[in-house]
PDB file of N, CA and C in Angstrom:
ATOM      1  N   MET A   1       0.854  -1.178   0.000  1.00  0.00           N
ATOM      2  CA  MET A   1       0.000   0.000   0.000  1.00  0.00           C
ATOM      3  C   MET A   1       0.896   1.236   0.000  1.00  0.00           C
ATOM      4  N   PRO A   2       0.642   2.178  -0.863  1.00  0.00           N
ATOM      5  CA  PRO A   2       1.448   3.396  -0.870  1.00  0.00           C
ATOM      6  C   PRO A   2       1.210   4.205   0.404  1.00  0.00           C
ATOM      7  N   THR A   3       2.263   4.848   0.879  1.00  0.00           N
ATOM      8  CA  THR A   3       2.148   5.621   2.130  1.00  0.00           C
ATOM      9  C   THR A   3       1.185   6.791   1.996  1.00  0.00           C
ATOM     10  N   THR A   4       0.908   7.240   0.803  1.00  0.00           N
ATOM     11  CA  THR A   4      -0.028   8.361   0.624  1.00  0.00           C
ATOM     12  C   THR A   4      -1.456   7.953   0.981  1.00  0.00           C
ATOM     13  N   ALA A   5      -1.741   6.659   0.977  1.00  0.00           N
ATOM     14  CA  ALA A   5      -3.094   6.188   1.297  1.00  0.00           C
ATOM     15  C   ALA A   5      -3.267   5.858   2.779  1.00  0.00           C
ATOM     16  N   LEU A   6      -2.200   5.928   3.560  1.00  0.00           N
ATOM     17  CA  LEU A   6      -2.288   5.564   4.973  1.00  0.00           C
ATOM     18  C   LEU A   6      -3.270   6.429   5.748  1.00  0.00           C
ATOM     19  N   ASP A   7      -3.290   7.728   5.471  1.00  0.00           N
ATOM     20  CA  ASP A   7      -4.187   8.604   6.226  1.00  0.00           C
ATOM     21  C   ASP A   7      -5.654   8.252   6.006  1.00  0.00           C
ATOM     22  N   LYS A   8      -5.969   7.580   4.922  1.00  0.00           N
ATOM     23  CA  LYS A   8      -7.349   7.176   4.654  1.00  0.00           C
ATOM     24  C   LYS A   8      -7.691   5.830   5.281  1.00  0.00           C
ATOM     25  N   THR A   9      -6.670   5.047   5.655  1.00  0.00           N
ATOM     26  CA  THR A   9      -6.935   3.700   6.164  1.00  0.00           C
ATOM     27  C   THR A   9      -6.658   3.532   7.654  1.00  0.00           C
ATOM     28  N   VAL A  10      -5.756   4.323   8.215  1.00  0.00           N
ATOM     29  CA  VAL A  10      -5.437   4.194   9.638  1.00  0.00           C
ATOM     30  C   VAL A  10      -6.657   4.540  10.470  1.00  0.00           C
ATOM     31  N   GLY A  11      -7.008   3.681  11.396  1.00  0.00           N
ATOM     32  CA  GLY A  11      -8.137   3.909  12.291  1.00  0.00           C
ATOM     33  C   GLY A  11      -9.482   3.517  11.724  1.00  0.00           C
ATOM     34  N   GLN A  12      -9.528   2.968  10.540  1.00  0.00           N
ATOM     35  CA  GLN A  12     -10.801   2.619   9.914  1.00  0.00           C
ATOM     36  C   GLN A  12     -11.341   1.271  10.377  1.00  0.00           C
ATOM     37  N   ASN A  13     -10.508   0.438  10.949  1.00  0.00           N
ATOM     38  CA  ASN A  13     -10.931  -0.899  11.349  1.00  0.00           C
ATOM     39  C   ASN A  13     -10.850  -1.086  12.864  1.00  0.00           C
ATOM     40  N   SER A  14     -11.281  -0.077  13.627  1.00  0.00           N
ATOM     41  CA  SER A  14     -11.180  -0.165  15.079  1.00  0.00           C
ATOM     42  C   SER A  14     -12.055  -1.291  15.635  1.00  0.00           C
ATOM     43  N   ALA A  15     -13.188  -1.569  15.022  1.00  0.00           N
ATOM     44  CA  ALA A  15     -14.040  -2.669  15.493  1.00  0.00           C
ATOM     45  C   ALA A  15     -13.312  -3.998  15.341  1.00  0.00           C
ATOM     46  N   THR A  16     -12.606  -4.171  14.237  1.00  0.00           N
ATOM     47  CA  THR A  16     -11.836  -5.398  14.024  1.00  0.00           C
ATOM     48  C   THR A  16     -10.702  -5.489  15.032  1.00  0.00           C
ATOM     49  N   ALA A  17     -10.004  -4.384  15.265  1.00  0.00           N
ATOM     50  CA  ALA A  17      -8.901  -4.377  16.237  1.00  0.00           C
ATOM     51  C   ALA A  17      -9.415  -4.699  17.635  1.00  0.00           C
ATOM     52  N   GLN A  18     -10.576  -4.166  18.029  1.00  0.00           N
ATOM     53  CA  GLN A  18     -11.151  -4.464  19.337  1.00  0.00           C
ATOM     54  C   GLN A  18     -11.549  -5.933  19.440  1.00  0.00           C
ATOM     55  N   ALA A  19     -12.094  -6.487  18.376  1.00  0.00           N
ATOM     56  CA  ALA A  19     -12.481  -7.905  18.381  1.00  0.00           C
ATOM     57  C   ALA A  19     -11.251  -8.793  18.530  1.00  0.00           C
ATOM     58  N   VAL A  20     -10.172  -8.459  17.854  1.00  0.00           N
ATOM     59  CA  VAL A  20      -8.929  -9.229  17.969  1.00  0.00           C
ATOM     60  C   VAL A  20      -8.379  -9.116  19.389  1.00  0.00           C
ATOM     61  N   ALA A  21      -8.409  -7.920  19.956  1.00  0.00           N
ATOM     62  CA  ALA A  21      -7.909  -7.721  21.317  1.00  0.00           C
ATOM     63  C   ALA A  21      -8.742  -8.517  22.325  1.00  0.00           C
ATOM     64  N   ARG A  22     -10.081  -8.493  22.182  1.00  0.00           N
ATOM     65  CA  ARG A  22     -10.946  -9.259  23.087  1.00  0.00           C
ATOM     66  C   ARG A  22     -10.674 -10.756  22.966  1.00  0.00           C
ATOM     67  N   ALA A  23     -10.479 -11.231  21.753  1.00  0.00           N
ATOM     68  CA  ALA A  23     -10.227 -12.652  21.535  1.00  0.00           C
ATOM     69  C   ALA A  23      -8.891 -13.080  22.135  1.00  0.00           C
ATOM     70  N   GLY A  24      -7.964 -12.151  22.268  1.00  0.00           N
ATOM     71  CA  GLY A  24      -6.647 -12.476  22.813  1.00  0.00           C
ATOM     72  C   GLY A  24      -6.561 -12.394  24.327  1.00  0.00           C
ATOM     73  N   LEU A  25      -7.612 -11.953  24.994  1.00  0.00           N
ATOM     74  CA  LEU A  25      -7.596 -11.838  26.451  1.00  0.00           C
ATOM     75  C   LEU A  25      -7.779 -13.199  27.115  1.00  0.00           C
ATOM     76  N   THR A  26      -7.063 -13.381  28.214  1.00  0.00           N
ATOM     77  CA  THR A  26      -7.204 -14.594  29.013  1.00  0.00           C
ATOM     78  C   THR A  26      -7.344 -14.187  30.469  1.00  0.00           C
ATOM     79  N   LEU A  27      -8.450 -14.564  31.092  1.00  0.00           N
ATOM     80  CA  LEU A  27      -8.667 -14.287  32.508  1.00  0.00           C
ATOM     81  C   LEU A  27      -8.003 -15.394  33.315  1.00  0.00           C
ATOM     82  N   ILE A  28      -6.999 -15.041  34.099  1.00  0.00           N
ATOM     83  CA  ILE A  28      -6.289 -16.028  34.908  1.00  0.00           C
ATOM     84  C   ILE A  28      -6.820 -16.031  36.330  1.00  0.00           C
ATOM     85  N   TYR A  29      -6.929 -14.878  36.938  1.00  0.00           N
ATOM     86  CA  TYR A  29      -7.422 -14.761  38.306  1.00  0.00           C
ATOM     87  C   TYR A  29      -8.084 -13.415  38.452  1.00  0.00           C
ATOM     88  N   PRO A  30      -9.163 -13.250  39.133  1.00  0.00           N
ATOM     89  CA  PRO A  30     -10.009 -14.278  39.741  1.00  0.00           C
ATOM     90  C   PRO A  30     -10.801 -15.024  38.672  1.00  0.00           C
ATOM     91  N   THR A  31     -11.471 -16.080  39.094  1.00  0.00           N
ATOM     92  CA  THR A  31     -12.292 -16.823  38.138  1.00  0.00           C
ATOM     93  C   THR A  31     -13.447 -15.943  37.687  1.00  0.00           C
ATOM     94  N   ARG A  32     -14.111 -16.328  36.624  1.00  0.00           N
ATOM     95  CA  ARG A  32     -15.242 -15.559  36.104  1.00  0.00           C
ATOM     96  C   ARG A  32     -16.327 -15.394  37.168  1.00  0.00           C
ATOM     97  N   GLU A  33     -16.587 -16.449  37.954  1.00  0.00           N
ATOM     98  CA  GLU A  33     -17.602 -16.375  39.008  1.00  0.00           C
ATOM     99  C   GLU A  33     -17.177 -15.416  40.111  1.00  0.00           C
ATOM    100  N   GLU A  34     -15.905 -15.486  40.521  1.00  0.00           N
ATOM    101  CA  GLU A  34     -15.407 -14.587  41.564  1.00  0.00           C
ATOM    102  C   GLU A  34     -15.433 -13.139  41.087  1.00  0.00           C
ATOM    103  N   LEU A  35     -15.117 -12.926  39.836  1.00  0.00           N
ATOM    104  CA  LEU A  35     -15.124 -11.575  39.281  1.00  0.00           C
ATOM    105  C   LEU A  35     -16.529 -10.987  39.307  1.00  0.00           C
ATOM    106  N   THR A  36     -17.522 -11.796  38.980  1.00  0.00           N
ATOM    107  CA  THR A  36     -18.913 -11.352  39.002  1.00  0.00           C
ATOM    108  C   THR A  36     -19.318 -10.927  40.401  1.00  0.00           C
ATOM    109  N   ASP A  37     -18.869 -11.669  41.418  1.00  0.00           N
ATOM    110  CA  ASP A  37     -19.190 -11.335  42.805  1.00  0.00           C
ATOM    111  C   ASP A  37     -18.506 -10.052  43.262  1.00  0.00           C
ATOM    112  N   ARG A  38     -17.331  -9.772  42.742  1.00  0.00           N
ATOM    113  CA  ARG A  38     -16.542  -8.622  43.196  1.00  0.00           C
ATOM    114  C   ARG A  38     -16.906  -7.321  42.501  1.00  0.00           C
ATOM    115  N   MET A  39     -17.403  -7.396  41.290  1.00  0.00           N
ATOM    116  CA  MET A  39     -17.703  -6.187  40.526  1.00  0.00           C
ATOM    117  C   MET A  39     -19.024  -5.578  40.991  1.00  0.00           C
ATOM    118  N   PRO A  40     -19.033  -4.265  41.206  1.00  0.00           N
ATOM    119  CA  PRO A  40     -20.305  -3.639  41.576  1.00  0.00           C
ATOM    120  C   PRO A  40     -21.257  -3.620  40.384  1.00  0.00           C
ATOM    121  N   SER A  41     -22.523  -3.560  40.680  1.00  0.00           N
ATOM    122  CA  SER A  41     -23.513  -3.509  39.602  1.00  0.00           C
ATOM    123  C   SER A  41     -23.596  -2.085  39.055  1.00  0.00           C
ATOM    124  N   ALA A  42     -24.165  -1.956  37.891  1.00  0.00           N
ATOM    125  CA  ALA A  42     -24.392  -0.632  37.309  1.00  0.00           C
ATOM    126  C   ALA A  42     -25.405   0.113  38.178  1.00  0.00           C
ATOM    127  N   PRO A  43     -25.387   1.446  38.160  1.00  0.00           N
ATOM    128  CA  PRO A  43     -26.350   2.190  38.974  1.00  0.00           C
ATOM    129  C   PRO A  43     -27.786   1.885  38.554  1.00  0.00           C
ATOM    130  N   LEU A  44     -28.654   1.812  39.548  1.00  0.00           N
ATOM    131  CA  LEU A  44     -30.069   1.576  39.289  1.00  0.00           C
ATOM    132  C   LEU A  44     -30.771   2.913  39.049  1.00  0.00           C
ATOM    133  N   ALA A  45     -31.875   2.878  38.339  1.00  0.00           N
ATOM    134  CA  ALA A  45     -32.581   4.105  37.948  1.00  0.00           C
ATOM    135  C   ALA A  45     -33.066   4.911  39.139  1.00  0.00           C
ATOM    136  N   ASP A  46     -33.304   4.272  40.294  1.00  0.00           N
ATOM    137  CA  ASP A  46     -33.823   5.002  41.454  1.00  0.00           C
ATOM    138  C   ASP A  46     -32.733   5.376  42.463  1.00  0.00           C
ATOM    139  N   GLU A  47     -31.484   5.145  42.140  1.00  0.00           N
ATOM    140  CA  GLU A  47     -30.390   5.458  43.055  1.00  0.00           C
ATOM    141  C   GLU A  47     -29.871   6.870  42.848  1.00  0.00           C
ATOM    142  N   SER A  48     -29.445   7.480  43.947  1.00  0.00           N
ATOM    143  CA  SER A  48     -28.733   8.756  43.879  1.00  0.00           C
ATOM    144  C   SER A  48     -27.286   8.475  44.264  1.00  0.00           C
ATOM    145  N   ILE A  49     -26.346   9.161  43.607  1.00  0.00           N
ATOM    146  CA  ILE A  49     -24.922   8.906  43.823  1.00  0.00           C
ATOM    147  C   ILE A  49     -24.248  10.219  44.198  1.00  0.00           C
ATOM    148  N   LEU A  50     -23.452  10.176  45.261  1.00  0.00           N
ATOM    149  CA  LEU A  50     -22.656  11.318  45.675  1.00  0.00           C
ATOM    150  C   LEU A  50     -21.204  10.880  45.679  1.00  0.00           C
ATOM    151  N   ILE A  51     -20.360  11.610  44.967  1.00  0.00           N
ATOM    152  CA  ILE A  51     -18.942  11.257  44.846  1.00  0.00           C
ATOM    153  C   ILE A  51     -18.114  12.288  45.599  1.00  0.00           C
ATOM    154  N   PHE A  52     -17.247  11.806  46.471  1.00  0.00           N
ATOM    155  CA  PHE A  52     -16.300  12.669  47.178  1.00  0.00           C
ATOM    156  C   PHE A  52     -14.944  12.507  46.504  1.00  0.00           C
ATOM    157  N   THR A  53     -14.354  13.621  46.088  1.00  0.00           N
ATOM    158  CA  THR A  53     -13.070  13.594  45.389  1.00  0.00           C
ATOM    159  C   THR A  53     -12.070  14.441  46.150  1.00  0.00           C
ATOM    160  N   ASP A  54     -10.848  13.939  46.279  1.00  0.00           N
ATOM    161  CA  ASP A  54      -9.771  14.706  46.896  1.00  0.00           C
ATOM    162  C   ASP A  54      -9.447  15.868  45.960  1.00  0.00           C
ATOM    163  N   ALA A  55      -9.742  17.085  46.387  1.00  0.00           N
ATOM    164  CA  ALA A  55      -9.594  18.250  45.519  1.00  0.00           C
ATOM    165  C   ALA A  55      -8.284  19.006  45.761  1.00  0.00           C
ATOM    166  N   ARG A  56      -7.373  18.405  46.536  1.00  0.00           N
ATOM    167  CA  ARG A  56      -6.092  19.083  46.747  1.00  0.00           C
ATOM    168  C   ARG A  56      -5.360  19.221  45.417  1.00  0.00           C
ATOM    169  N   THR A  57      -4.631  20.314  45.288  1.00  0.00           N
ATOM    170  CA  THR A  57      -3.884  20.540  44.053  1.00  0.00           C
ATOM    171  C   THR A  57      -2.436  20.082  44.220  1.00  0.00           C
ATOM    172  N   GLN A  58      -1.795  19.864  43.090  1.00  0.00           N
ATOM    173  CA  GLN A  58      -0.381  19.487  43.086  1.00  0.00           C
ATOM    174  C   GLN A  58       0.308  20.235  41.960  1.00  0.00           C
ATOM    175  N   ARG A  59       1.613  20.284  42.020  1.00  0.00           N
ATOM    176  CA  ARG A  59       2.399  20.950  40.978  1.00  0.00           C
ATOM    177  C   ARG A  59       3.287  19.916  40.297  1.00  0.00           C
ATOM    178  N   ASP A  60       3.341  19.962  38.982  1.00  0.00           N
ATOM    179  CA  ASP A  60       4.220  19.060  38.245  1.00  0.00           C
ATOM    180  C   ASP A  60       5.673  19.513  38.310  1.00  0.00           C
ATOM    181  N   CYS A  61       5.880  20.796  38.561  1.00  0.00           N
ATOM    182  CA  CYS A  61       7.225  21.350  38.710  1.00  0.00           C
ATOM    183  C   CYS A  61       7.125  22.579  39.617  1.00  0.00           C
ATOM    184  N   PRO A  62       8.229  23.060  40.147  1.00  0.00           N
ATOM    185  CA  PRO A  62       8.168  24.213  41.064  1.00  0.00           C
ATOM    186  C   PRO A  62       7.550  25.465  40.455  1.00  0.00           C
ATOM    187  N   THR A  63       7.647  25.645  39.145  1.00  0.00           N
ATOM    188  CA  THR A  63       7.098  26.846  38.515  1.00  0.00           C
ATOM    189  C   THR A  63       5.759  26.591  37.834  1.00  0.00           C
ATOM    190  N   CYS A  64       5.293  25.357  37.862  1.00  0.00           N
ATOM    191  CA  CYS A  64       4.018  25.011  37.225  1.00  0.00           C
ATOM    192  C   CYS A  64       2.848  25.474  38.084  1.00  0.00           C
ATOM    193  N   GLU A  65       1.748  25.757  37.426  1.00  0.00           N
ATOM    194  CA  GLU A  65       0.522  26.138  38.129  1.00  0.00           C
ATOM    195  C   GLU A  65      -0.031  24.912  38.870  1.00  0.00           C
ATOM    196  N   PRO A  66      -0.543  25.110  40.089  1.00  0.00           N
ATOM    197  CA  PRO A  66      -1.158  23.972  40.781  1.00  0.00           C
ATOM    198  C   PRO A  66      -2.434  23.520  40.072  1.00  0.00           C
ATOM    199  N   ALA A  67      -2.648  22.222  40.054  1.00  0.00           N
ATOM    200  CA  ALA A  67      -3.837  21.652  39.406  1.00  0.00           C
ATOM    201  C   ALA A  67      -4.252  20.412  40.184  1.00  0.00           C
ATOM    202  N   PRO A  68      -5.546  20.082  40.169  1.00  0.00           N
ATOM    203  CA  PRO A  68      -5.974  18.862  40.866  1.00  0.00           C
ATOM    204  C   PRO A  68      -5.429  17.623  40.152  1.00  0.00           C
ATOM    205  N   ALA A  69      -5.130  16.560  40.927  1.00  0.00           N
ATOM    206  CA  ALA A  69      -4.650  15.313  40.347  1.00  0.00           C
ATOM    207  C   ALA A  69      -5.734  14.689  39.485  1.00  0.00           C
ATOM    208  N   ILE A  70      -6.971  14.839  39.916  1.00  0.00           N
ATOM    209  CA  ILE A  70      -8.122  14.360  39.154  1.00  0.00           C
ATOM    210  C   ILE A  70      -9.174  15.456  39.232  1.00  0.00           C
ATOM    211  N   ALA A  71      -9.816  15.719  38.124  1.00  0.00           N
ATOM    212  CA  ALA A  71     -10.839  16.767  38.104  1.00  0.00           C
ATOM    213  C   ALA A  71     -11.967  16.408  39.074  1.00  0.00           C
ATOM    214  N   PRO A  72     -12.499  17.375  39.806  1.00  0.00           N
ATOM    215  CA  PRO A  72     -13.547  17.081  40.786  1.00  0.00           C
ATOM    216  C   PRO A  72     -14.766  16.364  40.204  1.00  0.00           C
ATOM    217  N   THR A  73     -15.042  16.553  38.922  1.00  0.00           N
ATOM    218  CA  THR A  73     -16.206  15.894  38.319  1.00  0.00           C
ATOM    219  C   THR A  73     -15.814  14.736  37.389  1.00  0.00           C
ATOM    220  N   ALA A  74     -14.568  14.279  37.425  1.00  0.00           N
ATOM    221  CA  ALA A  74     -14.108  13.243  36.491  1.00  0.00           C
ATOM    222  C   ALA A  74     -14.927  11.955  36.610  1.00  0.00           C
ATOM    223  N   LEU A  75     -15.143  11.467  37.818  1.00  0.00           N
ATOM    224  CA  LEU A  75     -15.897  10.226  37.987  1.00  0.00           C
ATOM    225  C   LEU A  75     -17.361  10.418  37.599  1.00  0.00           C
ATOM    226  N   GLN A  76     -17.917  11.549  37.946  1.00  0.00           N
ATOM    227  CA  GLN A  76     -19.292  11.869  37.563  1.00  0.00           C
ATOM    228  C   GLN A  76     -19.419  11.871  36.040  1.00  0.00           C
ATOM    229  N   ASP A  77     -18.474  12.492  35.363  1.00  0.00           N
ATOM    230  CA  ASP A  77     -18.505  12.551  33.900  1.00  0.00           C
ATOM    231  C   ASP A  77     -18.425  11.154  33.280  1.00  0.00           C
ATOM    232  N   ILE A  78     -17.598  10.288  33.856  1.00  0.00           N
ATOM    233  CA  ILE A  78     -17.471   8.914  33.350  1.00  0.00           C
ATOM    234  C   ILE A  78     -18.772   8.149  33.555  1.00  0.00           C
ATOM    235  N   LEU A  79     -19.370   8.263  34.738  1.00  0.00           N
ATOM    236  CA  LEU A  79     -20.631   7.573  35.006  1.00  0.00           C
ATOM    237  C   LEU A  79     -21.733   8.038  34.059  1.00  0.00           C
ATOM    238  N   LEU A  80     -21.801   9.338  33.811  1.00  0.00           N
ATOM    239  CA  LEU A  80     -22.822   9.846  32.903  1.00  0.00           C
ATOM    240  C   LEU A  80     -22.556   9.404  31.458  1.00  0.00           C
ATOM    241  N   ARG A  81     -21.275   9.313  31.085  1.00  0.00           N
ATOM    242  CA  ARG A  81     -20.946   8.854  29.735  1.00  0.00           C
ATOM    243  C   ARG A  81     -21.348   7.393  29.551  1.00  0.00           C
ATOM    244  N   LEU A  82     -21.172   6.572  30.606  1.00  0.00           N
ATOM    245  CA  LEU A  82     -21.487   5.144  30.506  1.00  0.00           C
ATOM    246  C   LEU A  82     -22.960   4.827  30.745  1.00  0.00           C
ATOM    247  N   TYR A  83     -23.600   5.567  31.675  1.00  0.00           N
ATOM    248  CA  TYR A  83     -24.953   5.223  32.107  1.00  0.00           C
ATOM    249  C   TYR A  83     -25.957   6.359  31.970  1.00  0.00           C
ATOM    250  N   GLY A  84     -25.546   7.494  31.432  1.00  0.00           N
ATOM    251  CA  GLY A  84     -26.413   8.664  31.342  1.00  0.00           C
ATOM    252  C   GLY A  84     -27.382   8.610  30.174  1.00  0.00           C
ATOM    253  N   PRO A  85     -28.079   9.722  29.931  1.00  0.00           N
ATOM    254  CA  PRO A  85     -29.111   9.779  28.891  1.00  0.00           C
ATOM    255  C   PRO A  85     -28.609   9.417  27.492  1.00  0.00           C
ATOM    256  N   ALA A  86     -27.350   9.734  27.176  1.00  0.00           N
ATOM    257  CA  ALA A  86     -26.816   9.426  25.851  1.00  0.00           C
ATOM    258  C   ALA A  86     -26.270   8.002  25.761  1.00  0.00           C
ATOM    259  N   ALA A  87     -26.328   7.262  26.869  1.00  0.00           N
ATOM    260  CA  ALA A  87     -25.829   5.869  26.883  1.00  0.00           C
ATOM    261  C   ALA A  87     -26.990   4.934  27.206  1.00  0.00           C
ATOM    262  N   THR A  88     -26.958   4.312  28.401  1.00  0.00           N
ATOM    263  CA  THR A  88     -28.012   3.345  28.746  1.00  0.00           C
ATOM    264  C   THR A  88     -29.257   4.001  29.328  1.00  0.00           C
ATOM    265  N   GLY A  89     -29.141   5.262  29.767  1.00  0.00           N
ATOM    266  CA  GLY A  89     -30.285   5.963  30.343  1.00  0.00           C
ATOM    267  C   GLY A  89     -30.605   5.559  31.768  1.00  0.00           C
ATOM    268  N   GLN A  90     -29.717   4.809  32.397  1.00  0.00           N
ATOM    269  CA  GLN A  90     -29.956   4.358  33.771  1.00  0.00           C
ATOM    270  C   GLN A  90     -29.732   5.471  34.791  1.00  0.00           C
ATOM    271  N   LEU A  91     -29.006   6.509  34.413  1.00  0.00           N
ATOM    272  CA  LEU A  91     -28.610   7.540  35.359  1.00  0.00           C
ATOM    273  C   LEU A  91     -28.909   8.910  34.759  1.00  0.00           C
ATOM    274  N   ALA A  92     -29.695   9.706  35.483  1.00  0.00           N
ATOM    275  CA  ALA A  92     -29.985  11.075  35.057  1.00  0.00           C
ATOM    276  C   ALA A  92     -28.965  12.010  35.710  1.00  0.00           C
ATOM    277  N   PRO A  93     -28.566  13.089  35.046  1.00  0.00           N
ATOM    278  CA  PRO A  93     -27.615  14.026  35.642  1.00  0.00           C
ATOM    279  C   PRO A  93     -28.042  14.537  37.020  1.00  0.00           C
ATOM    280  N   SER A  94     -29.338  14.627  37.267  1.00  0.00           N
ATOM    281  CA  SER A  94     -29.828  15.103  38.569  1.00  0.00           C
ATOM    282  C   SER A  94     -29.608  14.083  39.681  1.00  0.00           C
ATOM    283  N   GLN A  95     -29.301  12.843  39.350  1.00  0.00           N
ATOM    284  CA  GLN A  95     -29.108  11.787  40.347  1.00  0.00           C
ATOM    285  C   GLN A  95     -27.678  11.686  40.846  1.00  0.00           C
ATOM    286  N   ILE A  96     -26.767  12.448  40.286  1.00  0.00           N
ATOM    287  CA  ILE A  96     -25.366  12.308  40.646  1.00  0.00           C
ATOM    288  C   ILE A  96     -24.770  13.665  40.962  1.00  0.00           C
ATOM    289  N   GLY A  97     -23.953  13.694  41.993  1.00  0.00           N
ATOM    290  CA  GLY A  97     -23.289  14.922  42.391  1.00  0.00           C
ATOM    291  C   GLY A  97     -21.865  14.639  42.802  1.00  0.00           C
ATOM    292  N   SER A  98     -21.016  15.629  42.606  1.00  0.00           N
ATOM    293  CA  SER A  98     -19.604  15.508  42.990  1.00  0.00           C
ATOM    294  C   SER A  98     -19.254  16.628  43.939  1.00  0.00           C
TER     295      SER A  98
END
């Protein structure tokens, strides 16, 4: 394939790449049953969630501006992306706070 065509083909088969990656995974520990017991369930439609985040700031260097290690709403944003109105609809933005 000529290199001039790479920009049109790179990233076009992400579904195939994900399928290959999933097929190559091997669960060694815990067992599938133990994993099911340990993983929390997805939020239920009638649940309210409150997330407490360490909001202390840190500096990457002495002259760098202080910034939080994790954004105060990072977990909330992830939950809404996975379970919010644009995803499964199990979680409304009004049900979660950070």
